[in-house]
Amino acid sequence: MISKTVIISDEASEIIGKYFENYRVYQYRTDMPERALHYSKIRYFLTHIDDFLDKIYIIDNEIYIDIENICTVKFSISSNENEILIDNIYFNY
């Protein structure tokens, strides 16, 4: 299986940036490692989307996937099916 290239739109990139800017502090540590793990899982799910086809759903001709308890990602797949464009990310926080 060939992994896919994930392209993050400007809007999704801005949302990810805000996700990392709005980290939480608990006493002497932050939740930044957890957020980095979440980002890694998002990339993994999307680059291996063929393994998760049973998890995608379509609303008004737009493709979504819920990634664990982390977020919902709105994305599109290129016509040659080698690229995934992340259009938007809705974090569950």
Protein backbone atom coordinates (compact mmCIF):
# COMPACT_ATOMS: atom_id res chain seq x y z
CA MET A 1 0.00 0.00 0.00
CA ILE A 2 1.28 3.43 -0.94
CA SER A 3 0.83 6.10 1.71
CA LYS A 4 -0.76 9.33 0.65
CA THR A 5 0.54 12.88 0.77
CA VAL A 6 -1.34 15.03 3.26
CA ILE A 7 -1.72 18.69 2.30
CA ILE A 8 -2.94 21.03 5.01
CA SER A 9 -4.96 24.01 3.81
CA ASP A 10 -4.16 27.48 5.13
CA GLU A 11 -7.34 27.43 7.23
CA ALA A 12 -6.55 24.03 8.76
CA SER A 13 -2.95 25.11 9.36
CA GLU A 14 -4.20 28.15 11.27
CA ILE A 15 -6.51 25.95 13.36
CA ILE A 16 -3.61 23.62 14.19
CA GLY A 17 -1.48 26.62 15.16
CA LYS A 18 -4.20 27.86 17.51
CA TYR A 19 -4.55 24.37 18.95
CA PHE A 20 -0.88 24.45 19.92
CA GLU A 21 -1.03 28.08 21.14
CA ASN A 22 -3.95 27.34 23.46
CA TYR A 23 -2.20 24.64 25.46
CA ARG A 24 -3.11 24.04 29.07
CA VAL A 25 -0.81 24.22 32.08
CA TYR A 26 -1.19 21.74 34.93
CA GLN A 27 1.00 22.67 37.90
CA TYR A 28 4.52 22.30 36.46
CA ARG A 29 3.74 20.74 33.08
CA THR A 30 1.63 21.39 30.00
CA ASP A 31 -0.54 19.20 27.81
CA MET A 32 1.71 19.92 24.82
CA PRO A 33 3.03 16.31 24.55
CA GLU A 34 -0.57 15.07 24.35
CA ARG A 35 -1.39 17.64 21.68
CA ALA A 36 1.68 16.63 19.65
CA LEU A 37 0.53 13.00 19.90
CA HIS A 38 -2.92 14.05 18.68
CA TYR A 39 -1.39 15.79 15.67
CA SER A 40 0.66 12.67 14.92
CA LYS A 41 -2.50 10.53 15.06
CA ILE A 42 -4.31 12.90 12.71
CA ARG A 43 -1.48 12.62 10.16
CA TYR A 44 -1.39 8.84 10.55
CA PHE A 45 -5.15 8.44 10.07
CA LEU A 46 -5.13 10.60 6.96
CA THR A 47 -2.03 9.11 5.32
CA HIS A 48 -3.45 5.62 5.93
CA ILE A 49 -7.03 6.55 5.06
CA ASP A 50 -7.49 3.32 3.10
CA ASP A 51 -7.37 1.48 6.43
CA PHE A 52 -10.11 3.69 7.88
CA LEU A 53 -12.63 3.88 5.04
CA ASP A 54 -15.28 2.44 7.33
CA LYS A 55 -14.88 5.50 9.57
CA ILE A 56 -15.40 8.24 6.95
CA TYR A 57 -18.80 9.78 6.34
CA ILE A 58 -20.21 12.26 3.86
CA ILE A 59 -22.45 15.25 4.59
CA ASP A 60 -23.51 17.50 1.70
CA ASN A 61 -20.83 15.98 -0.59
CA GLU A 62 -18.07 16.76 1.94
CA ILE A 63 -15.94 13.99 3.46
CA TYR A 64 -15.33 13.78 7.21
CA ILE A 65 -13.61 11.45 9.62
CA ASP A 66 -13.76 11.43 13.39
CA ILE A 67 -10.35 10.66 14.82
CA GLU A 68 -10.68 9.01 18.20
CA ASN A 69 -11.78 11.59 20.76
CA ILE A 70 -9.44 14.17 19.26
CA CYS A 71 -11.21 15.86 16.39
CA THR A 72 -13.32 15.73 13.26
CA VAL A 73 -11.46 16.38 10.02
CA LYS A 74 -13.09 17.64 6.84
CA PHE A 75 -11.00 16.62 3.85
CA SER A 76 -10.98 15.84 0.15
CA ILE A 77 -9.10 13.27 -1.88
CA SER A 78 -7.42 14.10 -5.19
CA SER A 79 -8.69 12.46 -8.36
CA ASN A 80 -5.60 10.22 -8.53
CA GLU A 81 -6.20 9.31 -4.84
CA ASN A 82 -2.57 10.05 -3.88
CA GLU A 83 -3.20 13.32 -2.05
CA ILE A 84 -5.46 14.26 0.81
CA LEU A 85 -6.29 17.91 1.38
CA ILE A 86 -7.24 18.75 4.94
CA ASP A 87 -9.85 21.46 4.54
CA ASN A 88 -10.78 21.99 8.18
CA ILE A 89 -10.26 20.51 11.62
CA TYR A 90 -12.73 20.65 14.49
CA PHE A 91 -10.92 19.78 17.73
CA ASN A 92 -12.88 18.32 20.63
CA TYR A 93 -11.64 20.53 23.45
